[in-house]
Structures are given as structure tokens and as C-alpha cells.
Amino acid sequence: TSPSSTQKKLHVLVIAHPDDESMFFIPTIKALLQAGETLWILCLTTGDYDGLGKQRTKEIHRASKLLGFEKCIVQNNSDTIQDHP
């Protein structure tokens, strides 16, 4: 069966660092929410370059709620992905 035109689509925004969603994607996020779409965010690092990973993780969770994301996932891939500004 094909999805109906009124069915909400799931969009997952994949970003490298906490705050990338706010710095680069606000117009896209706003447009998708206005269209009634479902948004999740996947952040590939904790943003721990300066030792602030725990704080930045808390910040992205708060920001994702304020921006309207239904789910926020933050990966701690420090062993495979080197965080860098």
C-alpha cells in the first residue's frame, strides 16, 4: 500500500555537533514542522572537544524540545569519531 498524502513523514536530522541544528537548520526545521512532519535529531558526537560534552548534551536535549523534535539521540562515539570544532 502507498502512504496517503495526509500521512506524516519522519525526518531525521543528522548533525555532527550539538548546536549545529540551531546554527544551520532552523529554516528547514521550521518549514517541516509547519508542514506537520515528524522530526527526530541524531547528533553524532557529544561536543566534548573542550571537555563540555555533558553540558552540551543537556543543551541539545533542551534545544530539541524547544524546536519541536519528537526525539533526540546523542551518540558518544569518542572512540571512533574525534570531535573537533
PDB file of N, CA and C in Angstrom:
ATOM      1  N   THR A   1       0.841  -1.190   0.000  1.00  0.00           N
ATOM      2  CA  THR A   1       0.000   0.000   0.000  1.00  0.00           C
ATOM      3  C   THR A   1       0.876   1.239   0.000  1.00  0.00           C
ATOM      4  N   SER A   2       0.380   2.276  -0.613  1.00  0.00           N
ATOM      5  CA  SER A   2       1.144   3.523  -0.646  1.00  0.00           C
ATOM      6  C   SER A   2       0.666   4.442   0.461  1.00  0.00           C
ATOM      7  N   PRO A   3       1.579   5.242   1.016  1.00  0.00           N
ATOM      8  CA  PRO A   3       1.181   6.151   2.094  1.00  0.00           C
ATOM      9  C   PRO A   3       0.234   7.215   1.570  1.00  0.00           C
ATOM     10  N   SER A   4      -0.730   7.580   2.379  1.00  0.00           N
ATOM     11  CA  SER A   4      -1.659   8.623   1.961  1.00  0.00           C
ATOM     12  C   SER A   4      -0.958   9.969   2.004  1.00  0.00           C
ATOM     13  N   SER A   5      -1.498  10.926   1.294  1.00  0.00           N
ATOM     14  CA  SER A   5      -0.869  12.253   1.245  1.00  0.00           C
ATOM     15  C   SER A   5      -1.002  12.989   2.579  1.00  0.00           C
ATOM     16  N   THR A   6      -1.886  12.509   3.463  1.00  0.00           N
ATOM     17  CA  THR A   6      -2.049  13.153   4.759  1.00  0.00           C
ATOM     18  C   THR A   6      -1.204  12.492   5.844  1.00  0.00           C
ATOM     19  N   GLN A   7      -0.527  11.411   5.512  1.00  0.00           N
ATOM     20  CA  GLN A   7       0.302  10.715   6.496  1.00  0.00           C
ATOM     21  C   GLN A   7       1.563  11.521   6.776  1.00  0.00           C
ATOM     22  N   LYS A   8       1.883  11.694   8.062  1.00  0.00           N
ATOM     23  CA  LYS A   8       3.092  12.420   8.445  1.00  0.00           C
ATOM     24  C   LYS A   8       4.320  11.597   8.074  1.00  0.00           C
ATOM     25  N   LYS A   9       5.344  12.273   7.611  1.00  0.00           N
ATOM     26  CA  LYS A   9       6.611  11.629   7.297  1.00  0.00           C
ATOM     27  C   LYS A   9       7.583  11.873   8.442  1.00  0.00           C
ATOM     28  N   LEU A  10       8.463  10.914   8.660  1.00  0.00           N
ATOM     29  CA  LEU A  10       9.511  11.051   9.668  1.00  0.00           C
ATOM     30  C   LEU A  10      10.773  11.575   8.988  1.00  0.00           C
ATOM     31  N   HIS A  11      11.317  12.642   9.530  1.00  0.00           N
ATOM     32  CA  HIS A  11      12.564  13.220   9.043  1.00  0.00           C
ATOM     33  C   HIS A  11      13.569  13.161  10.185  1.00  0.00           C
ATOM     34  N   VAL A  12      14.757  12.657   9.906  1.00  0.00           N
ATOM     35  CA  VAL A  12      15.811  12.583  10.910  1.00  0.00           C
ATOM     36  C   VAL A  12      16.929  13.525  10.486  1.00  0.00           C
ATOM     37  N   LEU A  13      17.182  14.528  11.293  1.00  0.00           N
ATOM     38  CA  LEU A  13      18.268  15.473  11.049  1.00  0.00           C
ATOM     39  C   LEU A  13      19.521  14.901  11.689  1.00  0.00           C
ATOM     40  N   VAL A  14      20.535  14.617  10.883  1.00  0.00           N
ATOM     41  CA  VAL A  14      21.795  14.061  11.373  1.00  0.00           C
ATOM     42  C   VAL A  14      22.823  15.185  11.379  1.00  0.00           C
ATOM     43  N   ILE A  15      23.363  15.445  12.564  1.00  0.00           N
ATOM     44  CA  ILE A  15      24.330  16.535  12.721  1.00  0.00           C
ATOM     45  C   ILE A  15      25.589  16.014  13.411  1.00  0.00           C
ATOM     46  N   ALA A  16      26.669  16.744  13.275  1.00  0.00           N
ATOM     47  CA  ALA A  16      27.944  16.334  13.863  1.00  0.00           C
ATOM     48  C   ALA A  16      28.085  16.763  15.317  1.00  0.00           C
ATOM     49  N   HIS A  17      27.615  17.971  15.632  1.00  0.00           N
ATOM     50  CA  HIS A  17      27.850  18.549  16.959  1.00  0.00           C
ATOM     51  C   HIS A  17      26.567  19.135  17.542  1.00  0.00           C
ATOM     52  N   PRO A  18      26.434  19.124  18.864  1.00  0.00           N
ATOM     53  CA  PRO A  18      25.340  19.876  19.472  1.00  0.00           C
ATOM     54  C   PRO A  18      25.466  21.348  19.084  1.00  0.00           C
ATOM     55  N   ASP A  19      24.411  21.951  18.767  1.00  0.00           N
ATOM     56  CA  ASP A  19      24.194  23.340  18.328  1.00  0.00           C
ATOM     57  C   ASP A  19      24.193  23.494  16.822  1.00  0.00           C
ATOM     58  N   ASP A  20      24.614  22.467  16.073  1.00  0.00           N
ATOM     59  CA  ASP A  20      24.544  22.554  14.608  1.00  0.00           C
ATOM     60  C   ASP A  20      23.103  22.735  14.142  1.00  0.00           C
ATOM     61  N   GLU A  21      22.152  22.118  14.849  1.00  0.00           N
ATOM     62  CA  GLU A  21      20.739  22.244  14.477  1.00  0.00           C
ATOM     63  C   GLU A  21      20.304  23.701  14.532  1.00  0.00           C
ATOM     64  N   SER A  22      20.749  24.417  15.550  1.00  0.00           N
ATOM     65  CA  SER A  22      20.344  25.815  15.719  1.00  0.00           C
ATOM     66  C   SER A  22      21.132  26.756  14.819  1.00  0.00           C
ATOM     67  N   MET A  23      22.374  26.423  14.559  1.00  0.00           N
ATOM     68  CA  MET A  23      23.221  27.297  13.744  1.00  0.00           C
ATOM     69  C   MET A  23      22.902  27.204  12.247  1.00  0.00           C
ATOM     70  N   PHE A  24      22.487  26.035  11.777  1.00  0.00           N
ATOM     71  CA  PHE A  24      22.394  25.830  10.332  1.00  0.00           C
ATOM     72  C   PHE A  24      21.022  25.412   9.794  1.00  0.00           C
ATOM     73  N   PHE A  25      20.125  24.914  10.637  1.00  0.00           N
ATOM     74  CA  PHE A  25      18.936  24.256  10.103  1.00  0.00           C
ATOM     75  C   PHE A  25      17.593  24.819  10.577  1.00  0.00           C
ATOM     76  N   ILE A  26      17.574  25.950  11.249  1.00  0.00           N
ATOM     77  CA  ILE A  26      16.314  26.497  11.745  1.00  0.00           C
ATOM     78  C   ILE A  26      15.279  26.682  10.632  1.00  0.00           C
ATOM     79  N   PRO A  27      15.613  27.252   9.471  1.00  0.00           N
ATOM     80  CA  PRO A  27      14.593  27.404   8.422  1.00  0.00           C
ATOM     81  C   PRO A  27      14.010  26.060   7.964  1.00  0.00           C
ATOM     82  N   THR A  28      14.855  25.053   7.844  1.00  0.00           N
ATOM     83  CA  THR A  28      14.380  23.724   7.433  1.00  0.00           C
ATOM     84  C   THR A  28      13.489  23.117   8.511  1.00  0.00           C
ATOM     85  N   ILE A  29      13.921  23.203   9.758  1.00  0.00           N
ATOM     86  CA  ILE A  29      13.139  22.670  10.875  1.00  0.00           C
ATOM     87  C   ILE A  29      11.768  23.346  10.915  1.00  0.00           C
ATOM     88  N   LYS A  30      11.758  24.659  10.816  1.00  0.00           N
ATOM     89  CA  LYS A  30      10.514  25.417  10.870  1.00  0.00           C
ATOM     90  C   LYS A  30       9.569  25.010   9.736  1.00  0.00           C
ATOM     91  N   ALA A  31      10.095  24.882   8.536  1.00  0.00           N
ATOM     92  CA  ALA A  31       9.268  24.508   7.383  1.00  0.00           C
ATOM     93  C   ALA A  31       8.678  23.110   7.539  1.00  0.00           C
ATOM     94  N   LEU A  32       9.482  22.173   8.017  1.00  0.00           N
ATOM     95  CA  LEU A  32       8.988  20.807   8.190  1.00  0.00           C
ATOM     96  C   LEU A  32       7.914  20.746   9.274  1.00  0.00           C
ATOM     97  N   LEU A  33       8.112  21.466  10.369  1.00  0.00           N
ATOM     98  CA  LEU A  33       7.105  21.489  11.424  1.00  0.00           C
ATOM     99  C   LEU A  33       5.816  22.152  10.953  1.00  0.00           C
ATOM    100  N   GLN A  34       5.935  23.232  10.194  1.00  0.00           N
ATOM    101  CA  GLN A  34       4.752  23.901   9.670  1.00  0.00           C
ATOM    102  C   GLN A  34       3.983  22.996   8.711  1.00  0.00           C
ATOM    103  N   ALA A  35       4.695  22.085   8.052  1.00  0.00           N
ATOM    104  CA  ALA A  35       4.054  21.124   7.149  1.00  0.00           C
ATOM    105  C   ALA A  35       3.472  19.938   7.921  1.00  0.00           C
ATOM    106  N   GLY A  36       3.662  19.931   9.248  1.00  0.00           N
ATOM    107  CA  GLY A  36       3.108  18.874  10.075  1.00  0.00           C
ATOM    108  C   GLY A  36       3.915  17.591  10.098  1.00  0.00           C
ATOM    109  N   GLU A  37       5.185  17.675   9.739  1.00  0.00           N
ATOM    110  CA  GLU A  37       6.028  16.490   9.696  1.00  0.00           C
ATOM    111  C   GLU A  37       6.576  16.145  11.079  1.00  0.00           C
ATOM    112  N   THR A  38       7.036  14.910  11.234  1.00  0.00           N
ATOM    113  CA  THR A  38       7.642  14.425  12.469  1.00  0.00           C
ATOM    114  C   THR A  38       9.152  14.567  12.355  1.00  0.00           C
ATOM    115  N   LEU A  39       9.785  15.131  13.384  1.00  0.00           N
ATOM    116  CA  LEU A  39      11.229  15.360  13.356  1.00  0.00           C
ATOM    117  C   LEU A  39      11.929  14.654  14.508  1.00  0.00           C
ATOM    118  N   TRP A  40      13.012  14.001  14.178  1.00  0.00           N
ATOM    119  CA  TRP A  40      13.941  13.443  15.150  1.00  0.00           C
ATOM    120  C   TRP A  40      15.295  14.064  14.851  1.00  0.00           C
ATOM    121  N   ILE A  41      16.176  14.071  15.833  1.00  0.00           N
ATOM    122  CA  ILE A  41      17.533  14.569  15.628  1.00  0.00           C
ATOM    123  C   ILE A  41      18.525  13.523  16.119  1.00  0.00           C
ATOM    124  N   LEU A  42      19.554  13.303  15.332  1.00  0.00           N
ATOM    125  CA  LEU A  42      20.636  12.391  15.685  1.00  0.00           C
ATOM    126  C   LEU A  42      21.939  13.179  15.638  1.00  0.00           C
ATOM    127  N   CYS A  43      22.582  13.309  16.791  1.00  0.00           N
ATOM    128  CA  CYS A  43      23.851  14.029  16.897  1.00  0.00           C
ATOM    129  C   CYS A  43      24.961  12.997  17.071  1.00  0.00           C
ATOM    130  N   LEU A  44      25.964  13.043  16.223  1.00  0.00           N
ATOM    131  CA  LEU A  44      26.996  12.008  16.184  1.00  0.00           C
ATOM    132  C   LEU A  44      28.098  12.159  17.224  1.00  0.00           C
ATOM    133  N   THR A  45      28.164  13.307  17.900  1.00  0.00           N
ATOM    134  CA  THR A  45      29.153  13.498  18.968  1.00  0.00           C
ATOM    135  C   THR A  45      28.500  14.240  20.130  1.00  0.00           C
ATOM    136  N   THR A  46      29.163  14.231  21.260  1.00  0.00           N
ATOM    137  CA  THR A  46      28.666  14.974  22.415  1.00  0.00           C
ATOM    138  C   THR A  46      29.179  16.412  22.429  1.00  0.00           C
ATOM    139  N   GLY A  47      30.057  16.753  21.502  1.00  0.00           N
ATOM    140  CA  GLY A  47      30.628  18.097  21.501  1.00  0.00           C
ATOM    141  C   GLY A  47      31.632  18.282  22.619  1.00  0.00           C
ATOM    142  N   ASP A  48      32.407  17.248  22.894  1.00  0.00           N
ATOM    143  CA  ASP A  48      33.302  17.240  24.063  1.00  0.00           C
ATOM    144  C   ASP A  48      34.709  17.743  23.756  1.00  0.00           C
ATOM    145  N   TYR A  49      34.885  18.465  22.673  1.00  0.00           N
ATOM    146  CA  TYR A  49      36.224  18.938  22.298  1.00  0.00           C
ATOM    147  C   TYR A  49      36.869  19.743  23.426  1.00  0.00           C
ATOM    148  N   ASP A  50      36.074  20.588  24.083  1.00  0.00           N
ATOM    149  CA  ASP A  50      36.585  21.425  25.176  1.00  0.00           C
ATOM    150  C   ASP A  50      36.255  20.858  26.558  1.00  0.00           C
ATOM    151  N   GLY A  51      35.891  19.578  26.605  1.00  0.00           N
ATOM    152  CA  GLY A  51      35.540  18.961  27.876  1.00  0.00           C
ATOM    153  C   GLY A  51      34.149  19.309  28.374  1.00  0.00           C
ATOM    154  N   LEU A  52      33.292  19.814  27.482  1.00  0.00           N
ATOM    155  CA  LEU A  52      31.947  20.238  27.866  1.00  0.00           C
ATOM    156  C   LEU A  52      30.869  19.304  27.334  1.00  0.00           C
ATOM    157  N   GLY A  53      31.226  18.072  27.041  1.00  0.00           N
ATOM    158  CA  GLY A  53      30.292  17.133  26.425  1.00  0.00           C
ATOM    159  C   GLY A  53      29.020  16.906  27.212  1.00  0.00           C
ATOM    160  N   LYS A  54      29.125  16.774  28.527  1.00  0.00           N
ATOM    161  CA  LYS A  54      27.919  16.551  29.340  1.00  0.00           C
ATOM    162  C   LYS A  54      26.992  17.755  29.282  1.00  0.00           C
ATOM    163  N   GLN A  55      27.559  18.943  29.393  1.00  0.00           N
ATOM    164  CA  GLN A  55      26.754  20.165  29.328  1.00  0.00           C
ATOM    165  C   GLN A  55      26.128  20.331  27.943  1.00  0.00           C
ATOM    166  N   ARG A  56      26.900  20.098  26.908  1.00  0.00           N
ATOM    167  CA  ARG A  56      26.381  20.266  25.550  1.00  0.00           C
ATOM    168  C   ARG A  56      25.315  19.231  25.225  1.00  0.00           C
ATOM    169  N   THR A  57      25.426  18.033  25.803  1.00  0.00           N
ATOM    170  CA  THR A  57      24.400  17.013  25.616  1.00  0.00           C
ATOM    171  C   THR A  57      23.088  17.471  26.257  1.00  0.00           C
ATOM    172  N   LYS A  58      23.178  18.030  27.461  1.00  0.00           N
ATOM    173  CA  LYS A  58      21.977  18.567  28.112  1.00  0.00           C
ATOM    174  C   LYS A  58      21.366  19.683  27.268  1.00  0.00           C
ATOM    175  N   GLU A  59      22.221  20.537  26.718  1.00  0.00           N
ATOM    176  CA  GLU A  59      21.746  21.672  25.921  1.00  0.00           C
ATOM    177  C   GLU A  59      21.017  21.218  24.668  1.00  0.00           C
ATOM    178  N   ILE A  60      21.546  20.202  23.980  1.00  0.00           N
ATOM    179  CA  ILE A  60      20.875  19.768  22.749  1.00  0.00           C
ATOM    180  C   ILE A  60      19.537  19.102  23.052  1.00  0.00           C
ATOM    181  N   HIS A  61      19.455  18.416  24.184  1.00  0.00           N
ATOM    182  CA  HIS A  61      18.164  17.831  24.554  1.00  0.00           C
ATOM    183  C   HIS A  61      17.132  18.932  24.826  1.00  0.00           C
ATOM    184  N   ARG A  62      17.544  19.989  25.521  1.00  0.00           N
ATOM    185  CA  ARG A  62      16.630  21.112  25.776  1.00  0.00           C
ATOM    186  C   ARG A  62      16.262  21.817  24.470  1.00  0.00           C
ATOM    187  N   ALA A  63      17.255  22.072  23.638  1.00  0.00           N
ATOM    188  CA  ALA A  63      17.005  22.766  22.372  1.00  0.00           C
ATOM    189  C   ALA A  63      16.083  21.950  21.465  1.00  0.00           C
ATOM    190  N   SER A  64      16.284  20.641  21.441  1.00  0.00           N
ATOM    191  CA  SER A  64      15.453  19.818  20.562  1.00  0.00           C
ATOM    192  C   SER A  64      13.987  19.876  20.987  1.00  0.00           C
ATOM    193  N   LYS A  65      13.723  19.928  22.286  1.00  0.00           N
ATOM    194  CA  LYS A  65      12.341  20.063  22.762  1.00  0.00           C
ATOM    195  C   LYS A  65      11.762  21.416  22.364  1.00  0.00           C
ATOM    196  N   LEU A  66      12.549  22.473  22.564  1.00  0.00           N
ATOM    197  CA  LEU A  66      12.084  23.813  22.209  1.00  0.00           C
ATOM    198  C   LEU A  66      11.826  23.950  20.716  1.00  0.00           C
ATOM    199  N   LEU A  67      12.638  23.270  19.911  1.00  0.00           N
ATOM    200  CA  LEU A  67      12.500  23.365  18.458  1.00  0.00           C
ATOM    201  C   LEU A  67      11.397  22.469  17.907  1.00  0.00           C
ATOM    202  N   GLY A  68      10.893  21.536  18.701  1.00  0.00           N
ATOM    203  CA  GLY A  68       9.786  20.709  18.246  1.00  0.00           C
ATOM    204  C   GLY A  68      10.136  19.301  17.802  1.00  0.00           C
ATOM    205  N   PHE A  69      11.352  18.861  18.077  1.00  0.00           N
ATOM    206  CA  PHE A  69      11.730  17.486  17.738  1.00  0.00           C
ATOM    207  C   PHE A  69      11.020  16.520  18.676  1.00  0.00           C
ATOM    208  N   GLU A  70      10.559  15.405  18.135  1.00  0.00           N
ATOM    209  CA  GLU A  70       9.909  14.392  18.965  1.00  0.00           C
ATOM    210  C   GLU A  70      10.922  13.494  19.668  1.00  0.00           C
ATOM    211  N   LYS A  71      12.114  13.383  19.103  1.00  0.00           N
ATOM    212  CA  LYS A  71      13.132  12.509  19.694  1.00  0.00           C
ATOM    213  C   LYS A  71      14.505  13.109  19.441  1.00  0.00           C
ATOM    214  N   CYS A  72      15.380  12.994  20.441  1.00  0.00           N
ATOM    215  CA  CYS A  72      16.757  13.467  20.332  1.00  0.00           C
ATOM    216  C   CYS A  72      17.684  12.337  20.766  1.00  0.00           C
ATOM    217  N   ILE A  73      18.583  11.959  19.889  1.00  0.00           N
ATOM    218  CA  ILE A  73      19.553  10.898  20.170  1.00  0.00           C
ATOM    219  C   ILE A  73      20.949  11.496  20.030  1.00  0.00           C
ATOM    220  N   VAL A  74      21.759  11.354  21.072  1.00  0.00           N
ATOM    221  CA  VAL A  74      23.141  11.844  21.044  1.00  0.00           C
ATOM    222  C   VAL A  74      24.050  10.632  21.196  1.00  0.00           C
ATOM    223  N   GLN A  75      24.899  10.423  20.220  1.00  0.00           N
ATOM    224  CA  GLN A  75      25.848   9.318  20.250  1.00  0.00           C
ATOM    225  C   GLN A  75      27.140   9.774  20.924  1.00  0.00           C
ATOM    226  N   ASN A  76      27.709   8.915  21.734  1.00  0.00           N
ATOM    227  CA  ASN A  76      29.019   9.199  22.306  1.00  0.00           C
ATOM    228  C   ASN A  76      30.009   8.284  21.586  1.00  0.00           C
ATOM    229  N   ASN A  77      30.479   8.766  20.454  1.00  0.00           N
ATOM    230  CA  ASN A  77      31.385   7.989  19.605  1.00  0.00           C
ATOM    231  C   ASN A  77      32.824   8.463  19.741  1.00  0.00           C
ATOM    232  N   SER A  78      33.219   8.883  20.935  1.00  0.00           N
ATOM    233  CA  SER A  78      34.551   9.462  21.111  1.00  0.00           C
ATOM    234  C   SER A  78      35.664   8.475  20.777  1.00  0.00           C
ATOM    235  N   ASP A  79      35.371   7.182  20.827  1.00  0.00           N
ATOM    236  CA  ASP A  79      36.402   6.206  20.488  1.00  0.00           C
ATOM    237  C   ASP A  79      36.577   6.040  18.981  1.00  0.00           C
ATOM    238  N   THR A  80      35.563   6.448  18.183  1.00  0.00           N
ATOM    239  CA  THR A  80      35.669   6.297  16.727  1.00  0.00           C
ATOM    240  C   THR A  80      35.587   7.610  15.971  1.00  0.00           C
ATOM    241  N   ILE A  81      34.951   8.621  16.561  1.00  0.00           N
ATOM    242  CA  ILE A  81      34.824   9.912  15.904  1.00  0.00           C
ATOM    243  C   ILE A  81      35.467  10.968  16.794  1.00  0.00           C
ATOM    244  N   GLN A  82      36.513  11.580  16.335  1.00  0.00           N
ATOM    245  CA  GLN A  82      37.186  12.637  17.096  1.00  0.00           C
ATOM    246  C   GLN A  82      36.433  13.943  16.924  1.00  0.00           C
ATOM    247  N   ASP A  83      35.879  14.458  18.016  1.00  0.00           N
ATOM    248  CA  ASP A  83      35.150  15.727  17.949  1.00  0.00           C
ATOM    249  C   ASP A  83      36.154  16.856  17.777  1.00  0.00           C
ATOM    250  N   HIS A  84      35.805  17.794  16.914  1.00  0.00           N
ATOM    251  CA  HIS A  84      36.675  18.925  16.613  1.00  0.00           C
ATOM    252  C   HIS A  84      35.793  20.042  16.135  1.00  0.00           C
ATOM    253  N   PRO A  85      36.087  21.279  16.497  1.00  0.00           N
ATOM    254  CA  PRO A  85      35.229  22.396  16.065  1.00  0.00           C
ATOM    255  C   PRO A  85      35.236  22.586  14.555  1.00  0.00           C
TER     256      PRO A  85
END
